[in-house]
Structure formats: C-alpha cells, structure tokens
Amino acid sequence: MDRTIIRLGPHHRDAAVATLAAAFQDDPAIAFMLPDPASRPARLARLYRWMFAEHLNNGIVLGTPGAEVVTLWRLPGTVHLHEPIWHPGALRFVPIFGRHIARAIRLDDAIRTHLPDDERWHYLRVAGVRPGCQGKGLGGLAIRAGLAQAAASGVPAVLETATPSNVGLYQNLGYQVLSEWHVPGGGPQFWTMTNQATAA
C-alpha cells in the first residue's frame, strides 16, 4: 500500500466513495439520518458521491493514491459555503435521505450553528479509512497533511465528530474540544473541535 498523501481528483471518485461509505456504516450521525441498515449502504454511496464532487469544486480531497484513507476539507473562505439540504433545487437529497430528510436537515442545521462564525479556518468535513486498513495510522497521516496546509496558510482547523472514541484520536493530533452539543429531536451528541481552542 502506498501511504503517500496526495490530493485526490475525479479519477479517484469510485474508490473514495467506496471507502467513505464503508467507513461510516455505523457512525452515530449517519445512523440517525439513515436509520435503516438495509438501505444505508446504497444511500451512503449516493451521499458521498455528491460530497466528493462538492469538495473537488469547493475544497480539497486528501488521501492515499488507492483511497484507503479519504479526507474532505474546506479551505478558508469556503467553510460556510453550503448547499442547503432543503431548497427548490435540492431534490437530489430525497433519494439519499427519503422520509428521514427532516432528520438530516436538523443535523445539518445544528452542525452549521456550532461552527465558528468566521471563515479563517481549514474545516475537516469528513475523514474515513477503509475498514480493512484501519489501525495503520492512515487517518493521522491524511489529517496531518491537511493541518500542515492550514499551518502554511496561518489559520487553525476545525472539525466535528459524533463518535466518542474519535475525540481522543483527534486530541492526539492537536485538536481540543471547543463545544459539546446534541442534535435537537433525539439526535446524537457531537464534539466540535479545533487545534486553536481559544478561537471563536
């Protein structure tokens, strides 16, 4: 396996989508938005296909050449650039979330509410490692590559996670908890984290 972290492009899409869809099968936030385990794999593939393309246009995608690890980043000036889940042109989200689209909207709104207000950040939207490749340090390699770009730009980084075990992993990478919160309506707990916890 090539452990080099590179900027992924359109030709990495299928491998990257497969990695993210597999990595997030049991994620608490995903399970809240897509509670049916049987339909979740196909819906996740649609979701991450859209997210991958969206970050090629409005951010960067870092990972290994084989997409064993994939990280989606927003750069300063695009942190809050956002296509709402529900608006007249967003019918593409109905096949993804189906009758649970209201849950997705609540979670999406809650995340945006807890992001820092300004745009001077590198925002790690998603980080996933292919299940068979987990525990090999790939996630840390990709995230450190993104953090190095943030440091070169002179800005901090921000992320959120709904997986309790991830909090310690991110702390080992230099992140600190900025806030803890729950998605309204019985949604999961989230931790918003930054490598500059005093920034707001």
N, C-alpha and C. Protein backbone atom coordinates (compact mmCIF):
# COMPACT_ATOMS: atom_id res chain seq x y z
N MET A 1 0.84 -1.19 0.00
CA MET A 1 0.00 0.00 0.00
C MET A 1 0.88 1.25 0.00
N ASP A 2 0.57 2.17 -0.89
CA ASP A 2 1.28 3.45 -0.94
C ASP A 2 0.68 4.37 0.11
N ARG A 3 1.48 4.76 1.12
CA ARG A 3 1.00 5.59 2.22
C ARG A 3 1.20 7.08 1.96
N THR A 4 1.64 7.43 0.76
CA THR A 4 1.82 8.84 0.42
C THR A 4 0.46 9.55 0.41
N ILE A 5 0.39 10.73 1.01
CA ILE A 5 -0.84 11.52 1.00
C ILE A 5 -0.77 12.50 -0.16
N ILE A 6 -1.77 12.42 -1.03
CA ILE A 6 -1.83 13.26 -2.21
C ILE A 6 -3.19 13.95 -2.28
N ARG A 7 -3.30 14.89 -3.20
CA ARG A 7 -4.60 15.50 -3.47
C ARG A 7 -5.34 14.62 -4.47
N LEU A 8 -6.49 14.11 -4.06
CA LEU A 8 -7.26 13.21 -4.91
C LEU A 8 -8.06 14.00 -5.93
N GLY A 9 -8.32 13.36 -7.07
CA GLY A 9 -9.05 14.01 -8.16
C GLY A 9 -10.21 13.17 -8.65
N PRO A 10 -10.83 13.57 -9.75
CA PRO A 10 -12.03 12.88 -10.25
C PRO A 10 -11.82 11.38 -10.49
N HIS A 11 -10.62 10.98 -10.91
CA HIS A 11 -10.40 9.56 -11.21
C HIS A 11 -10.32 8.71 -9.95
N HIS A 12 -10.26 9.33 -8.77
CA HIS A 12 -10.28 8.59 -7.51
C HIS A 12 -11.69 8.42 -6.96
N ARG A 13 -12.68 8.96 -7.65
CA ARG A 13 -14.03 9.06 -7.08
C ARG A 13 -14.58 7.72 -6.60
N ASP A 14 -14.60 6.72 -7.46
CA ASP A 14 -15.25 5.47 -7.09
C ASP A 14 -14.60 4.82 -5.88
N ALA A 15 -13.26 4.81 -5.84
CA ALA A 15 -12.56 4.21 -4.70
C ALA A 15 -12.80 5.03 -3.44
N ALA A 16 -12.80 6.36 -3.57
CA ALA A 16 -13.02 7.22 -2.42
C ALA A 16 -14.42 7.06 -1.86
N VAL A 17 -15.40 7.01 -2.73
CA VAL A 17 -16.79 6.84 -2.29
C VAL A 17 -16.96 5.50 -1.59
N ALA A 18 -16.36 4.45 -2.13
CA ALA A 18 -16.45 3.13 -1.50
C ALA A 18 -15.84 3.15 -0.11
N THR A 19 -14.70 3.81 0.03
CA THR A 19 -14.04 3.90 1.35
C THR A 19 -14.92 4.64 2.35
N LEU A 20 -15.44 5.79 1.97
CA LEU A 20 -16.25 6.58 2.90
C LEU A 20 -17.54 5.87 3.26
N ALA A 21 -18.19 5.27 2.27
CA ALA A 21 -19.45 4.57 2.55
C ALA A 21 -19.23 3.41 3.51
N ALA A 22 -18.12 2.69 3.36
CA ALA A 22 -17.83 1.58 4.26
C ALA A 22 -17.43 2.07 5.64
N ALA A 23 -16.65 3.16 5.69
CA ALA A 23 -16.14 3.66 6.96
C ALA A 23 -17.23 4.21 7.86
N PHE A 24 -18.32 4.71 7.27
CA PHE A 24 -19.34 5.41 8.06
C PHE A 24 -20.63 4.60 8.24
N GLN A 25 -20.59 3.31 7.99
CA GLN A 25 -21.78 2.48 8.14
C GLN A 25 -22.39 2.57 9.53
N ASP A 26 -21.55 2.64 10.56
CA ASP A 26 -22.04 2.61 11.94
C ASP A 26 -21.83 3.94 12.66
N ASP A 27 -21.53 4.99 11.93
CA ASP A 27 -21.34 6.31 12.54
C ASP A 27 -22.66 6.78 13.17
N PRO A 28 -22.63 7.31 14.40
CA PRO A 28 -23.88 7.72 15.06
C PRO A 28 -24.68 8.76 14.28
N ALA A 29 -24.00 9.72 13.67
CA ALA A 29 -24.73 10.75 12.91
C ALA A 29 -25.39 10.14 11.67
N ILE A 30 -24.67 9.26 10.99
CA ILE A 30 -25.22 8.60 9.81
C ILE A 30 -26.39 7.71 10.20
N ALA A 31 -26.25 6.97 11.29
CA ALA A 31 -27.33 6.10 11.74
C ALA A 31 -28.58 6.90 12.11
N PHE A 32 -28.39 8.11 12.63
CA PHE A 32 -29.53 8.97 12.95
C PHE A 32 -30.24 9.42 11.67
N MET A 33 -29.48 9.82 10.67
CA MET A 33 -30.09 10.30 9.42
C MET A 33 -30.60 9.17 8.54
N LEU A 34 -29.94 8.02 8.61
CA LEU A 34 -30.29 6.87 7.77
C LEU A 34 -30.47 5.65 8.68
N PRO A 35 -31.60 5.58 9.39
CA PRO A 35 -31.76 4.56 10.43
C PRO A 35 -31.96 3.14 9.92
N ASP A 36 -32.25 2.95 8.64
CA ASP A 36 -32.48 1.61 8.10
C ASP A 36 -31.16 1.01 7.65
N PRO A 37 -30.62 0.02 8.36
CA PRO A 37 -29.32 -0.56 7.97
C PRO A 37 -29.34 -1.18 6.59
N ALA A 38 -30.49 -1.70 6.16
CA ALA A 38 -30.55 -2.38 4.87
C ALA A 38 -30.35 -1.43 3.71
N SER A 39 -30.93 -0.24 3.79
CA SER A 39 -30.81 0.71 2.69
C SER A 39 -29.63 1.66 2.86
N ARG A 40 -28.97 1.61 4.01
CA ARG A 40 -27.91 2.58 4.30
C ARG A 40 -26.73 2.52 3.31
N PRO A 41 -26.23 1.34 2.93
CA PRO A 41 -25.07 1.33 2.03
C PRO A 41 -25.32 2.07 0.71
N ALA A 42 -26.45 1.83 0.08
CA ALA A 42 -26.72 2.49 -1.21
C ALA A 42 -26.92 3.99 -1.01
N ARG A 43 -27.59 4.36 0.06
CA ARG A 43 -27.81 5.79 0.32
C ARG A 43 -26.49 6.49 0.65
N LEU A 44 -25.63 5.82 1.39
CA LEU A 44 -24.33 6.41 1.71
C LEU A 44 -23.49 6.60 0.44
N ALA A 45 -23.54 5.65 -0.46
CA ALA A 45 -22.80 5.80 -1.71
C ALA A 45 -23.27 7.05 -2.46
N ARG A 46 -24.58 7.29 -2.50
CA ARG A 46 -25.09 8.49 -3.16
C ARG A 46 -24.63 9.75 -2.43
N LEU A 47 -24.70 9.72 -1.09
CA LEU A 47 -24.31 10.88 -0.31
C LEU A 47 -22.83 11.23 -0.54
N TYR A 48 -21.96 10.24 -0.46
CA TYR A 48 -20.53 10.54 -0.57
C TYR A 48 -20.11 10.80 -2.01
N ARG A 49 -20.86 10.30 -2.97
CA ARG A 49 -20.58 10.68 -4.36
C ARG A 49 -20.81 12.18 -4.54
N TRP A 50 -21.92 12.67 -3.95
CA TRP A 50 -22.20 14.11 -4.02
C TRP A 50 -21.14 14.89 -3.23
N MET A 51 -20.81 14.44 -2.01
CA MET A 51 -19.86 15.18 -1.19
C MET A 51 -18.46 15.22 -1.82
N PHE A 52 -18.05 14.12 -2.43
CA PHE A 52 -16.74 14.09 -3.08
C PHE A 52 -16.68 15.12 -4.20
N ALA A 53 -17.70 15.12 -5.05
CA ALA A 53 -17.73 16.09 -6.15
C ALA A 53 -17.79 17.52 -5.62
N GLU A 54 -18.56 17.72 -4.56
CA GLU A 54 -18.72 19.06 -3.99
C GLU A 54 -17.38 19.58 -3.43
N HIS A 55 -16.57 18.69 -2.87
CA HIS A 55 -15.29 19.13 -2.33
C HIS A 55 -14.23 19.27 -3.42
N LEU A 56 -14.35 18.57 -4.51
CA LEU A 56 -13.47 18.85 -5.64
C LEU A 56 -13.69 20.27 -6.14
N ASN A 57 -14.94 20.72 -6.09
CA ASN A 57 -15.28 22.06 -6.58
C ASN A 57 -15.01 23.15 -5.55
N ASN A 58 -15.24 22.85 -4.27
CA ASN A 58 -15.22 23.90 -3.25
C ASN A 58 -14.26 23.61 -2.10
N GLY A 59 -13.31 22.75 -2.30
CA GLY A 59 -12.36 22.43 -1.24
C GLY A 59 -11.24 21.58 -1.79
N ILE A 60 -10.72 20.69 -0.96
CA ILE A 60 -9.71 19.75 -1.40
C ILE A 60 -10.02 18.38 -0.81
N VAL A 61 -9.54 17.35 -1.50
CA VAL A 61 -9.68 15.97 -1.03
C VAL A 61 -8.27 15.40 -0.92
N LEU A 62 -7.90 15.00 0.29
CA LEU A 62 -6.58 14.43 0.53
C LEU A 62 -6.73 12.97 0.92
N GLY A 63 -5.82 12.14 0.43
CA GLY A 63 -5.85 10.73 0.77
C GLY A 63 -4.69 10.00 0.12
N THR A 64 -4.69 8.69 0.28
CA THR A 64 -3.67 7.87 -0.36
C THR A 64 -4.06 7.62 -1.82
N PRO A 65 -3.08 7.27 -2.67
CA PRO A 65 -3.39 7.03 -4.09
C PRO A 65 -4.46 5.96 -4.30
N GLY A 66 -4.53 4.98 -3.41
CA GLY A 66 -5.55 3.96 -3.52
C GLY A 66 -6.83 4.29 -2.77
N ALA A 67 -6.91 5.49 -2.22
CA ALA A 67 -8.09 5.96 -1.46
C ALA A 67 -8.40 5.06 -0.27
N GLU A 68 -7.35 4.48 0.32
CA GLU A 68 -7.57 3.73 1.56
C GLU A 68 -7.97 4.67 2.69
N VAL A 69 -7.52 5.92 2.63
CA VAL A 69 -7.98 6.97 3.53
C VAL A 69 -8.41 8.15 2.67
N VAL A 70 -9.49 8.79 3.07
CA VAL A 70 -10.04 9.93 2.33
C VAL A 70 -10.43 11.00 3.33
N THR A 71 -9.98 12.23 3.10
CA THR A 71 -10.39 13.36 3.94
C THR A 71 -10.89 14.48 3.04
N LEU A 72 -12.03 15.04 3.42
CA LEU A 72 -12.65 16.14 2.68
C LEU A 72 -12.48 17.42 3.49
N TRP A 73 -11.86 18.43 2.88
CA TRP A 73 -11.54 19.68 3.57
C TRP A 73 -12.17 20.86 2.85
N ARG A 74 -12.63 21.82 3.64
CA ARG A 74 -12.99 23.14 3.14
C ARG A 74 -11.89 24.11 3.53
N LEU A 75 -11.55 25.02 2.62
CA LEU A 75 -10.46 25.97 2.85
C LEU A 75 -11.00 27.30 3.35
N PRO A 76 -10.14 28.16 3.88
CA PRO A 76 -10.62 29.48 4.32
C PRO A 76 -11.39 30.19 3.21
N GLY A 77 -12.52 30.76 3.59
CA GLY A 77 -13.39 31.41 2.61
C GLY A 77 -14.51 30.51 2.10
N THR A 78 -14.42 29.19 2.38
CA THR A 78 -15.47 28.28 1.93
C THR A 78 -16.05 27.45 3.07
N VAL A 79 -15.66 27.76 4.32
CA VAL A 79 -16.14 26.98 5.46
C VAL A 79 -17.67 26.96 5.51
N HIS A 80 -18.28 28.13 5.28
CA HIS A 80 -19.73 28.22 5.38
C HIS A 80 -20.43 28.18 4.02
N LEU A 81 -19.66 27.98 2.95
CA LEU A 81 -20.27 27.81 1.64
C LEU A 81 -21.06 26.52 1.67
N HIS A 82 -22.35 26.60 1.38
CA HIS A 82 -23.20 25.48 1.75
C HIS A 82 -24.42 25.41 0.85
N GLU A 83 -24.66 24.22 0.32
CA GLU A 83 -25.91 23.97 -0.40
C GLU A 83 -26.89 23.34 0.59
N PRO A 84 -27.91 24.07 1.00
CA PRO A 84 -28.85 23.52 1.98
C PRO A 84 -29.47 22.21 1.50
N ILE A 85 -29.75 21.32 2.44
CA ILE A 85 -30.38 20.06 2.07
C ILE A 85 -31.76 20.29 1.49
N TRP A 86 -32.46 21.31 2.00
CA TRP A 86 -33.82 21.52 1.52
C TRP A 86 -33.96 22.89 0.87
N HIS A 87 -34.09 22.91 -0.43
CA HIS A 87 -34.41 24.11 -1.19
C HIS A 87 -34.90 23.63 -2.55
N PRO A 88 -35.48 24.49 -3.38
CA PRO A 88 -36.14 24.01 -4.61
C PRO A 88 -35.24 23.21 -5.54
N GLY A 89 -33.92 23.43 -5.49
CA GLY A 89 -33.04 22.69 -6.39
C GLY A 89 -32.40 21.47 -5.78
N ALA A 90 -32.83 21.09 -4.58
CA ALA A 90 -32.13 20.03 -3.85
C ALA A 90 -32.87 18.70 -3.85
N LEU A 91 -33.60 18.42 -4.90
CA LEU A 91 -34.33 17.15 -4.95
C LEU A 91 -33.39 15.95 -4.97
N ARG A 92 -32.11 16.19 -5.27
CA ARG A 92 -31.14 15.09 -5.26
C ARG A 92 -31.01 14.46 -3.89
N PHE A 93 -31.39 15.20 -2.83
CA PHE A 93 -31.23 14.66 -1.49
C PHE A 93 -32.38 13.72 -1.09
N VAL A 94 -33.48 13.78 -1.80
CA VAL A 94 -34.61 12.92 -1.45
C VAL A 94 -34.26 11.44 -1.62
N PRO A 95 -33.61 11.02 -2.72
CA PRO A 95 -33.22 9.61 -2.81
C PRO A 95 -32.20 9.18 -1.76
N ILE A 96 -31.46 10.14 -1.22
CA ILE A 96 -30.47 9.80 -0.19
C ILE A 96 -31.15 9.60 1.16
N PHE A 97 -31.94 10.58 1.59
CA PHE A 97 -32.49 10.55 2.94
C PHE A 97 -33.94 10.07 3.01
N GLY A 98 -34.65 10.07 1.88
CA GLY A 98 -36.02 9.57 1.87
C GLY A 98 -36.89 10.27 2.88
N ARG A 99 -37.70 9.48 3.60
CA ARG A 99 -38.65 10.06 4.55
C ARG A 99 -37.97 10.61 5.80
N HIS A 100 -36.66 10.39 5.93
CA HIS A 100 -35.93 10.89 7.09
C HIS A 100 -35.19 12.20 6.78
N ILE A 101 -35.59 12.86 5.72
CA ILE A 101 -34.88 14.08 5.34
C ILE A 101 -34.97 15.16 6.43
N ALA A 102 -36.04 15.16 7.20
CA ALA A 102 -36.15 16.14 8.29
C ALA A 102 -35.04 15.93 9.32
N ARG A 103 -34.66 14.69 9.57
CA ARG A 103 -33.55 14.43 10.49
C ARG A 103 -32.25 14.99 9.92
N ALA A 104 -32.04 14.79 8.64
CA ALA A 104 -30.82 15.29 8.01
C ALA A 104 -30.77 16.81 8.08
N ILE A 105 -31.90 17.46 7.88
CA ILE A 105 -31.94 18.92 7.95
C ILE A 105 -31.61 19.39 9.36
N ARG A 106 -32.18 18.73 10.39
CA ARG A 106 -31.90 19.12 11.77
C ARG A 106 -30.41 18.96 12.09
N LEU A 107 -29.84 17.85 11.66
CA LEU A 107 -28.42 17.62 11.94
C LEU A 107 -27.56 18.63 11.19
N ASP A 108 -27.88 18.87 9.93
CA ASP A 108 -27.13 19.82 9.11
C ASP A 108 -27.19 21.22 9.72
N ASP A 109 -28.36 21.64 10.14
CA ASP A 109 -28.51 22.96 10.75
C ASP A 109 -27.72 23.06 12.05
N ALA A 110 -27.74 21.98 12.84
CA ALA A 110 -27.04 22.00 14.12
C ALA A 110 -25.53 22.11 13.92
N ILE A 111 -25.00 21.40 12.93
CA ILE A 111 -23.57 21.49 12.65
C ILE A 111 -23.20 22.91 12.29
N ARG A 112 -23.95 23.53 11.40
CA ARG A 112 -23.63 24.89 10.96
C ARG A 112 -23.72 25.87 12.12
N THR A 113 -24.67 25.64 13.04
CA THR A 113 -24.82 26.52 14.20
C THR A 113 -23.60 26.48 15.10
N HIS A 114 -22.92 25.34 15.16
CA HIS A 114 -21.81 25.18 16.09
C HIS A 114 -20.44 25.36 15.44
N LEU A 115 -20.41 25.75 14.18
CA LEU A 115 -19.13 26.10 13.56
C LEU A 115 -18.75 27.53 13.96
N PRO A 116 -17.46 27.82 14.04
CA PRO A 116 -17.06 29.21 14.28
C PRO A 116 -17.64 30.12 13.20
N ASP A 117 -17.95 31.35 13.57
CA ASP A 117 -18.66 32.25 12.67
C ASP A 117 -17.84 32.72 11.47
N ASP A 118 -16.53 32.83 11.66
CA ASP A 118 -15.71 33.43 10.59
C ASP A 118 -15.25 32.36 9.61
N GLU A 119 -14.49 32.79 8.62
CA GLU A 119 -14.05 31.90 7.54
C GLU A 119 -12.56 31.60 7.59
N ARG A 120 -11.89 31.95 8.65
CA ARG A 120 -10.43 31.79 8.71
C ARG A 120 -10.06 30.43 9.31
N TRP A 121 -10.49 29.40 8.62
CA TRP A 121 -10.29 28.04 9.11
C TRP A 121 -10.03 27.08 7.95
N HIS A 122 -9.38 25.97 8.26
CA HIS A 122 -9.45 24.76 7.44
C HIS A 122 -10.46 23.86 8.13
N TYR A 123 -11.47 23.44 7.42
CA TYR A 123 -12.57 22.68 8.01
C TYR A 123 -12.51 21.24 7.50
N LEU A 124 -12.27 20.31 8.39
CA LEU A 124 -12.27 18.89 8.06
C LEU A 124 -13.70 18.39 8.11
N ARG A 125 -14.31 18.24 6.95
CA ARG A 125 -15.71 17.81 6.91
C ARG A 125 -15.84 16.32 7.17
N VAL A 126 -14.97 15.52 6.56
CA VAL A 126 -15.09 14.07 6.66
C VAL A 126 -13.69 13.46 6.63
N ALA A 127 -13.47 12.45 7.46
CA ALA A 127 -12.25 11.66 7.41
C ALA A 127 -12.63 10.19 7.58
N GLY A 128 -12.29 9.37 6.61
CA GLY A 128 -12.65 7.96 6.67
C GLY A 128 -11.53 7.06 6.19
N VAL A 129 -11.38 5.92 6.85
CA VAL A 129 -10.39 4.92 6.47
C VAL A 129 -11.12 3.64 6.12
N ARG A 130 -10.74 3.02 5.02
CA ARG A 130 -11.34 1.75 4.60
C ARG A 130 -11.23 0.75 5.75
N PRO A 131 -12.31 0.05 6.10
CA PRO A 131 -12.29 -0.81 7.28
C PRO A 131 -11.10 -1.76 7.37
N GLY A 132 -10.72 -2.39 6.29
CA GLY A 132 -9.60 -3.32 6.33
C GLY A 132 -8.25 -2.67 6.52
N CYS A 133 -8.22 -1.35 6.44
CA CYS A 133 -6.95 -0.60 6.55
C CYS A 133 -6.88 0.22 7.82
N GLN A 134 -7.88 0.10 8.69
CA GLN A 134 -7.89 0.89 9.91
C GLN A 134 -6.84 0.37 10.89
N GLY A 135 -6.38 1.27 11.78
CA GLY A 135 -5.39 0.90 12.77
C GLY A 135 -3.97 0.94 12.26
N LYS A 136 -3.75 1.48 11.07
CA LYS A 136 -2.42 1.54 10.47
C LYS A 136 -1.87 2.96 10.42
N GLY A 137 -2.58 3.92 11.02
CA GLY A 137 -2.09 5.29 11.06
C GLY A 137 -2.40 6.12 9.84
N LEU A 138 -3.23 5.60 8.94
CA LEU A 138 -3.52 6.33 7.71
C LEU A 138 -4.33 7.60 7.97
N GLY A 139 -5.30 7.51 8.89
CA GLY A 139 -6.10 8.69 9.20
C GLY A 139 -5.24 9.82 9.71
N GLY A 140 -4.32 9.49 10.61
CA GLY A 140 -3.43 10.51 11.14
C GLY A 140 -2.56 11.14 10.06
N LEU A 141 -2.07 10.33 9.13
CA LEU A 141 -1.25 10.86 8.05
C LEU A 141 -2.02 11.88 7.21
N ALA A 142 -3.26 11.52 6.85
CA ALA A 142 -4.05 12.41 6.00
C ALA A 142 -4.44 13.69 6.74
N ILE A 143 -4.81 13.55 8.01
CA ILE A 143 -5.21 14.74 8.77
C ILE A 143 -4.01 15.65 9.01
N ARG A 144 -2.86 15.08 9.31
CA ARG A 144 -1.67 15.91 9.49
C ARG A 144 -1.31 16.66 8.21
N ALA A 145 -1.54 16.03 7.07
CA ALA A 145 -1.28 16.71 5.80
C ALA A 145 -2.19 17.93 5.65
N GLY A 146 -3.45 17.78 6.04
CA GLY A 146 -4.36 18.91 5.99
C GLY A 146 -3.99 19.98 7.00
N LEU A 147 -3.58 19.56 8.19
CA LEU A 147 -3.17 20.52 9.21
C LEU A 147 -1.91 21.28 8.78
N ALA A 148 -1.03 20.61 8.05
CA ALA A 148 0.17 21.29 7.55
C ALA A 148 -0.21 22.38 6.56
N GLN A 149 -1.21 22.12 5.74
CA GLN A 149 -1.67 23.15 4.80
C GLN A 149 -2.30 24.31 5.57
N ALA A 150 -3.06 23.99 6.63
CA ALA A 150 -3.65 25.05 7.44
C ALA A 150 -2.55 25.91 8.08
N ALA A 151 -1.52 25.25 8.63
CA ALA A 151 -0.43 25.99 9.26
C ALA A 151 0.31 26.86 8.25
N ALA A 152 0.47 26.34 7.03
CA ALA A 152 1.14 27.14 5.98
C ALA A 152 0.32 28.36 5.62
N SER A 153 -1.01 28.26 5.77
CA SER A 153 -1.89 29.39 5.49
C SER A 153 -2.05 30.31 6.69
N GLY A 154 -1.51 29.90 7.83
CA GLY A 154 -1.59 30.71 9.04
C GLY A 154 -2.94 30.71 9.70
N VAL A 155 -3.71 29.61 9.52
CA VAL A 155 -5.05 29.54 10.11
C VAL A 155 -5.19 28.24 10.89
N PRO A 156 -6.10 28.20 11.87
CA PRO A 156 -6.37 26.96 12.59
C PRO A 156 -7.31 26.06 11.80
N ALA A 157 -7.63 24.92 12.40
CA ALA A 157 -8.52 23.95 11.76
C ALA A 157 -9.67 23.63 12.70
N VAL A 158 -10.77 23.16 12.12
CA VAL A 158 -11.95 22.82 12.91
C VAL A 158 -12.57 21.55 12.32
N LEU A 159 -13.23 20.79 13.18
CA LEU A 159 -13.96 19.60 12.76
C LEU A 159 -15.05 19.34 13.77
N GLU A 160 -15.94 18.39 13.44
CA GLU A 160 -16.87 17.88 14.44
C GLU A 160 -16.95 16.37 14.28
N THR A 161 -17.22 15.69 15.38
CA THR A 161 -17.38 14.24 15.35
C THR A 161 -18.52 13.84 16.26
N ALA A 162 -19.22 12.78 15.89
CA ALA A 162 -20.27 12.22 16.73
C ALA A 162 -19.85 10.87 17.29
N THR A 163 -18.60 10.51 17.13
CA THR A 163 -18.10 9.23 17.61
C THR A 163 -17.22 9.47 18.83
N PRO A 164 -17.65 9.05 20.01
CA PRO A 164 -16.89 9.35 21.23
C PRO A 164 -15.43 8.91 21.16
N SER A 165 -15.16 7.74 20.57
CA SER A 165 -13.79 7.24 20.53
C SER A 165 -12.88 8.10 19.65
N ASN A 166 -13.47 8.90 18.77
CA ASN A 166 -12.66 9.76 17.91
C ASN A 166 -12.10 10.97 18.66
N VAL A 167 -12.74 11.35 19.76
CA VAL A 167 -12.32 12.55 20.46
C VAL A 167 -10.86 12.44 20.89
N GLY A 168 -10.49 11.32 21.51
CA GLY A 168 -9.11 11.12 21.93
C GLY A 168 -8.16 11.05 20.76
N LEU A 169 -8.59 10.44 19.66
CA LEU A 169 -7.73 10.35 18.47
C LEU A 169 -7.42 11.74 17.94
N TYR A 170 -8.44 12.59 17.88
CA TYR A 170 -8.21 13.95 17.38
C TYR A 170 -7.38 14.77 18.37
N GLN A 171 -7.58 14.52 19.66
CA GLN A 171 -6.75 15.23 20.64
C GLN A 171 -5.28 14.87 20.47
N ASN A 172 -4.99 13.63 20.11
CA ASN A 172 -3.61 13.22 19.86
C ASN A 172 -3.02 13.92 18.64
N LEU A 173 -3.89 14.44 17.76
CA LEU A 173 -3.43 15.17 16.58
C LEU A 173 -3.38 16.68 16.82
N GLY A 174 -3.64 17.09 18.06
CA GLY A 174 -3.53 18.50 18.41
C GLY A 174 -4.84 19.25 18.50
N TYR A 175 -5.97 18.57 18.32
CA TYR A 175 -7.26 19.22 18.45
C TYR A 175 -7.69 19.25 19.91
N GLN A 176 -8.50 20.22 20.26
CA GLN A 176 -9.12 20.32 21.57
C GLN A 176 -10.62 20.55 21.39
N VAL A 177 -11.38 20.15 22.40
CA VAL A 177 -12.84 20.30 22.32
C VAL A 177 -13.21 21.76 22.49
N LEU A 178 -13.95 22.27 21.52
CA LEU A 178 -14.45 23.64 21.56
C LEU A 178 -15.85 23.68 22.18
N SER A 179 -16.68 22.68 21.85
CA SER A 179 -18.02 22.60 22.43
C SER A 179 -18.55 21.18 22.29
N GLU A 180 -19.49 20.83 23.18
CA GLU A 180 -20.22 19.57 23.11
C GLU A 180 -21.70 19.91 23.00
N TRP A 181 -22.42 19.19 22.14
CA TRP A 181 -23.82 19.53 21.92
C TRP A 181 -24.56 18.33 21.34
N HIS A 182 -25.89 18.40 21.41
CA HIS A 182 -26.74 17.36 20.87
C HIS A 182 -27.57 17.91 19.72
N VAL A 183 -27.83 17.07 18.75
CA VAL A 183 -28.75 17.43 17.67
C VAL A 183 -30.17 17.41 18.25
N PRO A 184 -30.95 18.48 18.05
CA PRO A 184 -32.32 18.50 18.59
C PRO A 184 -33.16 17.33 18.08
N GLY A 185 -34.14 16.95 18.88
CA GLY A 185 -35.05 15.89 18.46
C GLY A 185 -34.49 14.50 18.65
N GLY A 186 -33.66 14.31 19.67
CA GLY A 186 -33.15 12.98 19.96
C GLY A 186 -31.96 12.58 19.14
N GLY A 187 -31.27 13.53 18.53
CA GLY A 187 -30.10 13.22 17.72
C GLY A 187 -28.87 12.94 18.55
N PRO A 188 -27.79 12.58 17.91
CA PRO A 188 -26.57 12.19 18.63
C PRO A 188 -25.84 13.38 19.24
N GLN A 189 -24.95 13.05 20.16
CA GLN A 189 -24.05 14.06 20.72
C GLN A 189 -22.91 14.30 19.74
N PHE A 190 -22.48 15.57 19.66
CA PHE A 190 -21.35 15.95 18.83
C PHE A 190 -20.31 16.65 19.67
N TRP A 191 -19.08 16.59 19.19
CA TRP A 191 -17.98 17.37 19.73
C TRP A 191 -17.44 18.22 18.59
N THR A 192 -17.47 19.53 18.73
CA THR A 192 -16.78 20.42 17.80
C THR A 192 -15.39 20.66 18.35
N MET A 193 -14.38 20.46 17.51
CA MET A 193 -13.00 20.50 17.98
C MET A 193 -12.17 21.40 17.07
N THR A 194 -11.14 22.00 17.65
CA THR A 194 -10.25 22.86 16.89
C THR A 194 -8.84 22.70 17.42
N ASN A 195 -7.86 22.96 16.58
CA ASN A 195 -6.48 22.95 17.06
C ASN A 195 -6.07 24.33 17.56
N GLN A 196 -7.06 25.21 17.71
CA GLN A 196 -6.85 26.51 18.37
C GLN A 196 -8.11 26.80 19.15
N ALA A 197 -8.24 26.17 20.30
CA ALA A 197 -9.50 26.17 21.04
C ALA A 197 -9.90 27.54 21.52
N THR A 198 -8.98 28.49 21.56
CA THR A 198 -9.36 29.82 22.01
C THR A 198 -9.98 30.64 20.91
N ALA A 199 -9.90 30.17 19.65
CA ALA A 199 -10.55 30.89 18.55
C ALA A 199 -12.04 30.68 18.65
N ALA A 200 -12.82 31.65 18.14
CA ALA A 200 -14.28 31.53 18.23
C ALA A 200 -14.92 31.82 16.92
